[in-house]
N, C-alpha and C. Protein backbone atom coordinates (compact mmCIF):
# COMPACT_ATOMS: atom_id res chain seq x y z
N MET A 1 69.61 -50.48 -19.36
CA MET A 1 71.04 -50.38 -19.14
C MET A 1 71.42 -48.91 -18.93
N LEU A 2 72.28 -48.67 -17.98
CA LEU A 2 72.69 -47.31 -17.67
C LEU A 2 73.76 -46.82 -18.63
N SER A 3 73.69 -45.55 -18.96
CA SER A 3 74.74 -44.95 -19.77
C SER A 3 75.96 -44.71 -18.89
N GLU A 4 77.09 -44.47 -19.52
CA GLU A 4 78.31 -44.19 -18.76
C GLU A 4 78.14 -42.95 -17.90
N LYS A 5 77.34 -42.00 -18.36
CA LYS A 5 77.11 -40.77 -17.60
C LYS A 5 76.26 -41.04 -16.36
N GLU A 6 75.35 -42.03 -16.43
CA GLU A 6 74.46 -42.33 -15.31
C GLU A 6 75.11 -43.20 -14.24
N LYS A 7 76.12 -43.98 -14.61
CA LYS A 7 76.72 -44.93 -13.67
C LYS A 7 77.31 -44.27 -12.43
N PRO A 8 78.07 -43.19 -12.55
CA PRO A 8 78.59 -42.57 -11.32
C PRO A 8 77.48 -42.13 -10.37
N GLY A 9 76.39 -41.61 -10.90
CA GLY A 9 75.28 -41.20 -10.04
C GLY A 9 74.70 -42.36 -9.27
N LEU A 10 74.55 -43.51 -9.93
CA LEU A 10 74.05 -44.70 -9.25
C LEU A 10 75.02 -45.14 -8.17
N TRP A 11 76.32 -45.17 -8.48
CA TRP A 11 77.31 -45.54 -7.47
C TRP A 11 77.28 -44.56 -6.31
N GLY A 12 77.14 -43.29 -6.61
CA GLY A 12 77.05 -42.28 -5.55
C GLY A 12 75.88 -42.55 -4.62
N GLU A 13 74.73 -42.91 -5.18
CA GLU A 13 73.55 -43.21 -4.37
C GLU A 13 73.77 -44.46 -3.52
N ILE A 14 74.43 -45.46 -4.08
CA ILE A 14 74.73 -46.68 -3.33
C ILE A 14 75.63 -46.36 -2.14
N TYR A 15 76.68 -45.58 -2.37
CA TYR A 15 77.61 -45.24 -1.29
C TYR A 15 76.96 -44.33 -0.26
N ALA A 16 76.12 -43.40 -0.70
CA ALA A 16 75.42 -42.52 0.24
C ALA A 16 74.49 -43.34 1.13
N ALA A 17 73.76 -44.30 0.55
CA ALA A 17 72.87 -45.15 1.34
C ALA A 17 73.67 -45.97 2.35
N ARG A 18 74.81 -46.49 1.94
CA ARG A 18 75.67 -47.24 2.86
C ARG A 18 76.12 -46.35 4.01
N PHE A 19 76.58 -45.15 3.67
CA PHE A 19 77.02 -44.18 4.68
C PHE A 19 75.89 -43.91 5.67
N MET A 20 74.68 -43.71 5.14
CA MET A 20 73.54 -43.40 5.99
C MET A 20 73.22 -44.57 6.93
N ARG A 21 73.19 -45.80 6.39
CA ARG A 21 72.92 -46.97 7.24
C ARG A 21 73.97 -47.10 8.34
N GLU A 22 75.24 -46.89 7.98
CA GLU A 22 76.32 -46.98 8.96
C GLU A 22 76.21 -45.91 10.04
N ASN A 23 75.47 -44.85 9.76
CA ASN A 23 75.31 -43.75 10.71
C ASN A 23 73.91 -43.70 11.33
N GLY A 24 73.23 -44.84 11.33
CA GLY A 24 71.99 -44.97 12.07
C GLY A 24 70.70 -44.62 11.35
N TYR A 25 70.76 -44.38 10.06
CA TYR A 25 69.55 -44.10 9.29
C TYR A 25 68.89 -45.41 8.89
N GLU A 26 67.56 -45.42 8.93
CA GLU A 26 66.79 -46.55 8.42
C GLU A 26 66.26 -46.15 7.04
N ILE A 27 66.80 -46.77 6.00
CA ILE A 27 66.40 -46.44 4.63
C ILE A 27 64.99 -46.98 4.39
N ILE A 28 64.11 -46.10 3.95
CA ILE A 28 62.73 -46.49 3.63
C ILE A 28 62.64 -46.86 2.15
N THR A 29 63.18 -46.01 1.30
CA THR A 29 63.15 -46.27 -0.14
C THR A 29 64.23 -45.43 -0.82
N ALA A 30 64.58 -45.84 -2.01
CA ALA A 30 65.53 -45.09 -2.84
C ALA A 30 64.91 -44.87 -4.21
N ASN A 31 65.31 -43.78 -4.83
CA ASN A 31 64.82 -43.43 -6.17
C ASN A 31 63.30 -43.35 -6.23
N TYR A 32 62.73 -42.68 -5.25
CA TYR A 32 61.28 -42.48 -5.22
C TYR A 32 60.89 -41.49 -6.31
N ARG A 33 59.92 -41.89 -7.13
CA ARG A 33 59.46 -41.03 -8.21
C ARG A 33 57.95 -40.90 -8.16
N CYS A 34 57.48 -39.70 -8.48
CA CYS A 34 56.04 -39.45 -8.63
C CYS A 34 55.88 -38.35 -9.68
N ARG A 35 54.67 -37.94 -9.90
CA ARG A 35 54.41 -36.95 -10.95
C ARG A 35 55.08 -35.60 -10.67
N LEU A 36 55.44 -35.33 -9.42
CA LEU A 36 56.04 -34.05 -9.06
C LEU A 36 57.56 -34.03 -9.17
N GLY A 37 58.18 -35.20 -9.08
CA GLY A 37 59.64 -35.24 -9.12
C GLY A 37 60.18 -36.53 -8.55
N GLU A 38 61.44 -36.49 -8.13
CA GLU A 38 62.08 -37.68 -7.57
C GLU A 38 62.95 -37.30 -6.40
N ILE A 39 63.12 -38.27 -5.51
CA ILE A 39 63.99 -38.10 -4.35
C ILE A 39 64.92 -39.31 -4.32
N ASP A 40 66.22 -39.04 -4.14
CA ASP A 40 67.20 -40.12 -4.21
C ASP A 40 67.05 -41.13 -3.08
N ILE A 41 67.01 -40.65 -1.83
CA ILE A 41 66.92 -41.55 -0.68
C ILE A 41 65.95 -40.96 0.34
N ILE A 42 65.06 -41.81 0.85
CA ILE A 42 64.16 -41.41 1.94
C ILE A 42 64.45 -42.34 3.11
N ALA A 43 64.68 -41.75 4.28
CA ALA A 43 65.08 -42.53 5.45
C ALA A 43 64.45 -41.95 6.72
N LYS A 44 64.57 -42.70 7.81
CA LYS A 44 64.14 -42.23 9.12
C LYS A 44 65.33 -42.22 10.06
N LYS A 45 65.36 -41.19 10.93
CA LYS A 45 66.36 -41.15 11.99
C LYS A 45 65.95 -40.11 13.02
N ASP A 46 66.01 -40.48 14.28
CA ASP A 46 65.79 -39.56 15.39
C ASP A 46 64.50 -38.75 15.27
N GLY A 47 63.42 -39.38 14.86
CA GLY A 47 62.14 -38.69 14.76
C GLY A 47 61.96 -37.84 13.52
N PHE A 48 62.91 -37.92 12.60
CA PHE A 48 62.82 -37.18 11.34
C PHE A 48 62.58 -38.14 10.18
N LEU A 49 61.83 -37.66 9.21
CA LEU A 49 61.73 -38.32 7.92
C LEU A 49 62.68 -37.55 7.02
N VAL A 50 63.75 -38.20 6.60
CA VAL A 50 64.86 -37.52 5.94
C VAL A 50 64.82 -37.76 4.43
N PHE A 51 64.80 -36.67 3.69
CA PHE A 51 64.79 -36.71 2.23
C PHE A 51 66.18 -36.26 1.77
N THR A 52 66.92 -37.16 1.16
CA THR A 52 68.32 -36.88 0.81
C THR A 52 68.51 -36.82 -0.69
N GLU A 53 69.09 -35.72 -1.13
CA GLU A 53 69.51 -35.55 -2.52
C GLU A 53 70.99 -35.91 -2.58
N VAL A 54 71.35 -36.81 -3.47
CA VAL A 54 72.74 -37.25 -3.60
C VAL A 54 73.36 -36.58 -4.82
N LYS A 55 74.51 -35.98 -4.62
CA LYS A 55 75.26 -35.37 -5.71
C LYS A 55 76.62 -36.05 -5.77
N THR A 56 76.94 -36.57 -6.93
CA THR A 56 78.17 -37.32 -7.13
C THR A 56 79.14 -36.49 -7.94
N ARG A 57 80.37 -36.44 -7.49
CA ARG A 57 81.41 -35.65 -8.15
C ARG A 57 82.68 -36.47 -8.28
N SER A 58 83.53 -36.03 -9.20
CA SER A 58 84.87 -36.62 -9.31
C SER A 58 85.83 -35.70 -8.57
N PRO A 59 87.01 -36.22 -8.21
CA PRO A 59 87.98 -35.38 -7.50
C PRO A 59 88.31 -34.14 -8.33
N GLY A 60 88.45 -33.03 -7.68
CA GLY A 60 88.81 -31.80 -8.37
C GLY A 60 87.65 -31.12 -9.07
N ALA A 61 86.42 -31.54 -8.80
CA ALA A 61 85.26 -30.89 -9.41
C ALA A 61 85.27 -29.41 -9.03
N ILE A 62 84.89 -28.59 -9.97
CA ILE A 62 84.94 -27.14 -9.75
C ILE A 62 83.98 -26.70 -8.66
N ALA A 63 82.74 -27.18 -8.71
CA ALA A 63 81.73 -26.76 -7.73
C ALA A 63 81.31 -27.93 -6.87
N PRO A 64 81.09 -27.68 -5.58
CA PRO A 64 80.60 -28.77 -4.74
C PRO A 64 79.19 -29.18 -5.16
N GLY A 65 78.84 -30.42 -4.86
CA GLY A 65 77.54 -30.96 -5.24
C GLY A 65 76.36 -30.17 -4.71
N ARG A 66 76.51 -29.64 -3.50
CA ARG A 66 75.38 -28.92 -2.88
C ARG A 66 74.97 -27.71 -3.70
N GLU A 67 75.90 -27.14 -4.49
CA GLU A 67 75.57 -25.99 -5.32
C GLU A 67 74.66 -26.37 -6.48
N ALA A 68 74.58 -27.65 -6.80
CA ALA A 68 73.70 -28.12 -7.87
C ALA A 68 72.26 -28.29 -7.39
N VAL A 69 72.03 -28.07 -6.11
CA VAL A 69 70.68 -28.18 -5.55
C VAL A 69 70.16 -26.76 -5.35
N GLY A 70 69.79 -26.14 -6.45
CA GLY A 70 69.30 -24.77 -6.42
C GLY A 70 67.86 -24.69 -5.92
N SER A 71 67.32 -23.48 -5.92
CA SER A 71 65.98 -23.28 -5.36
C SER A 71 64.90 -24.03 -6.12
N ALA A 72 65.00 -24.13 -7.45
CA ALA A 72 63.99 -24.87 -8.22
C ALA A 72 64.03 -26.36 -7.86
N LYS A 73 65.23 -26.92 -7.74
CA LYS A 73 65.38 -28.33 -7.35
C LYS A 73 64.86 -28.54 -5.93
N GLN A 74 65.19 -27.62 -5.03
CA GLN A 74 64.71 -27.71 -3.66
C GLN A 74 63.19 -27.72 -3.61
N GLU A 75 62.57 -26.85 -4.38
CA GLU A 75 61.11 -26.77 -4.39
C GLU A 75 60.49 -28.08 -4.88
N ARG A 76 61.07 -28.67 -5.94
CA ARG A 76 60.56 -29.96 -6.44
C ARG A 76 60.71 -31.05 -5.38
N ILE A 77 61.84 -31.07 -4.70
CA ILE A 77 62.06 -32.07 -3.65
C ILE A 77 61.05 -31.89 -2.52
N ILE A 78 60.82 -30.66 -2.11
CA ILE A 78 59.88 -30.38 -1.02
C ILE A 78 58.46 -30.79 -1.42
N GLU A 79 58.05 -30.47 -2.64
CA GLU A 79 56.71 -30.86 -3.10
C GLU A 79 56.58 -32.38 -3.19
N THR A 80 57.61 -33.04 -3.69
CA THR A 80 57.60 -34.50 -3.79
C THR A 80 57.55 -35.12 -2.40
N ALA A 81 58.33 -34.57 -1.47
CA ALA A 81 58.35 -35.07 -0.09
C ALA A 81 56.97 -34.92 0.56
N SER A 82 56.34 -33.80 0.33
CA SER A 82 55.01 -33.56 0.89
C SER A 82 54.01 -34.60 0.39
N LEU A 83 54.05 -34.87 -0.90
CA LEU A 83 53.16 -35.87 -1.47
C LEU A 83 53.46 -37.26 -0.90
N PHE A 84 54.75 -37.59 -0.77
CA PHE A 84 55.14 -38.88 -0.19
C PHE A 84 54.59 -39.03 1.22
N MET A 85 54.72 -37.98 2.03
CA MET A 85 54.24 -38.03 3.41
C MET A 85 52.73 -38.19 3.47
N GLN A 86 52.01 -37.51 2.59
CA GLN A 86 50.55 -37.62 2.56
C GLN A 86 50.11 -39.02 2.15
N LYS A 87 50.73 -39.55 1.11
CA LYS A 87 50.34 -40.87 0.60
C LYS A 87 50.67 -42.00 1.57
N ASN A 88 51.71 -41.81 2.36
CA ASN A 88 52.19 -42.87 3.24
C ASN A 88 51.89 -42.63 4.71
N ASN A 89 51.13 -41.59 5.01
CA ASN A 89 50.70 -41.29 6.39
C ASN A 89 51.85 -41.19 7.38
N TYR A 90 52.92 -40.50 7.00
CA TYR A 90 54.01 -40.27 7.93
C TYR A 90 53.73 -39.01 8.73
N ASP A 91 53.89 -39.12 10.03
CA ASP A 91 53.68 -37.98 10.92
C ASP A 91 55.00 -37.65 11.61
N LEU A 92 56.05 -37.57 10.83
CA LEU A 92 57.37 -37.22 11.35
C LEU A 92 57.77 -35.86 10.80
N GLN A 93 58.68 -35.22 11.49
CA GLN A 93 59.20 -33.93 11.02
C GLN A 93 60.08 -34.18 9.79
N PRO A 94 59.81 -33.51 8.66
CA PRO A 94 60.67 -33.71 7.49
C PRO A 94 61.99 -32.95 7.65
N ARG A 95 63.02 -33.51 7.04
CA ARG A 95 64.32 -32.84 7.00
C ARG A 95 64.91 -33.08 5.62
N PHE A 96 65.59 -32.08 5.11
CA PHE A 96 66.13 -32.14 3.75
C PHE A 96 67.65 -32.06 3.81
N ASP A 97 68.30 -33.15 3.42
CA ASP A 97 69.75 -33.27 3.48
C ASP A 97 70.34 -33.42 2.08
N VAL A 98 71.64 -33.19 1.99
CA VAL A 98 72.38 -33.41 0.75
C VAL A 98 73.60 -34.27 1.08
N ALA A 99 73.82 -35.30 0.28
CA ALA A 99 75.02 -36.13 0.40
C ALA A 99 75.90 -35.84 -0.81
N GLU A 100 77.12 -35.38 -0.55
CA GLU A 100 78.09 -35.13 -1.61
C GLU A 100 79.07 -36.29 -1.63
N VAL A 101 78.99 -37.10 -2.67
CA VAL A 101 79.86 -38.27 -2.79
C VAL A 101 80.92 -37.99 -3.85
N THR A 102 82.18 -38.22 -3.49
CA THR A 102 83.28 -38.08 -4.44
C THR A 102 83.76 -39.47 -4.80
N LEU A 103 83.81 -39.74 -6.12
CA LEU A 103 84.23 -41.05 -6.62
C LEU A 103 85.57 -40.94 -7.34
N GLY A 104 86.35 -42.02 -7.25
CA GLY A 104 87.60 -42.10 -7.98
C GLY A 104 87.38 -42.60 -9.40
N LYS A 105 88.48 -42.89 -10.10
CA LYS A 105 88.43 -43.28 -11.51
C LYS A 105 87.63 -44.56 -11.76
N GLU A 106 87.65 -45.48 -10.84
CA GLU A 106 86.93 -46.75 -10.99
C GLU A 106 85.62 -46.74 -10.20
N ASN A 107 85.07 -45.58 -9.99
CA ASN A 107 83.83 -45.39 -9.22
C ASN A 107 83.94 -45.85 -7.77
N GLU A 108 85.17 -45.90 -7.24
CA GLU A 108 85.32 -46.24 -5.83
C GLU A 108 85.08 -44.97 -5.00
N PRO A 109 84.46 -45.11 -3.83
CA PRO A 109 84.17 -43.93 -3.02
C PRO A 109 85.44 -43.37 -2.40
N ILE A 110 85.60 -42.08 -2.52
CA ILE A 110 86.71 -41.39 -1.87
C ILE A 110 86.21 -40.72 -0.60
N SER A 111 85.05 -40.09 -0.70
CA SER A 111 84.48 -39.43 0.48
C SER A 111 82.98 -39.26 0.32
N CYS A 112 82.33 -39.07 1.47
CA CYS A 112 80.91 -38.73 1.49
C CYS A 112 80.75 -37.63 2.53
N GLU A 113 80.46 -36.44 2.06
CA GLU A 113 80.18 -35.33 2.98
C GLU A 113 78.66 -35.25 3.10
N TYR A 114 78.17 -35.45 4.30
CA TYR A 114 76.72 -35.49 4.53
C TYR A 114 76.29 -34.21 5.22
N ILE A 115 75.39 -33.48 4.59
CA ILE A 115 74.96 -32.17 5.10
C ILE A 115 73.51 -32.28 5.58
N GLU A 116 73.33 -32.30 6.89
CA GLU A 116 71.99 -32.31 7.46
C GLU A 116 71.39 -30.91 7.36
N ASN A 117 70.06 -30.86 7.18
CA ASN A 117 69.36 -29.57 7.07
C ASN A 117 69.98 -28.68 6.01
N ALA A 118 70.30 -29.26 4.88
CA ALA A 118 70.92 -28.50 3.79
C ALA A 118 70.00 -27.38 3.31
N PHE A 119 68.70 -27.62 3.39
CA PHE A 119 67.71 -26.59 3.09
C PHE A 119 66.44 -26.94 3.84
N ASP A 120 65.53 -25.98 3.92
CA ASP A 120 64.26 -26.25 4.60
C ASP A 120 63.09 -25.86 3.72
N SER A 121 61.91 -26.11 4.22
CA SER A 121 60.72 -25.90 3.39
C SER A 121 60.17 -24.49 3.46
N SER A 122 60.88 -23.57 4.08
CA SER A 122 60.40 -22.18 4.11
C SER A 122 61.09 -21.39 3.00
N PHE A 123 60.28 -20.87 2.11
CA PHE A 123 60.82 -20.09 0.99
C PHE A 123 60.62 -18.62 1.24
């Protein structure tokens, strides 16, 4: 059972996946976990294998969700993505996106700002 703190994150991921499907993404998996880390949504679109980090916020949040994806988080996502690609024999160009989902009081979606190429694998 999810805690009250975890529920908005789950709703954010559901709405981000819906947004992605409506915009031509083919969802491969969600909540991918391995020994290196986790990735919220993995999808394909236009020759890219897209690794999406979802950040869920309430209206009036002080910092945008993308600011919560710092360099350490980016590195974990990149390492996890690399392992996923190796294990699953994907020969597509990876891309790292961030979906910022804003939820209302009843966890209804207010907006989804989708940032393509939010970061890349060059450090």
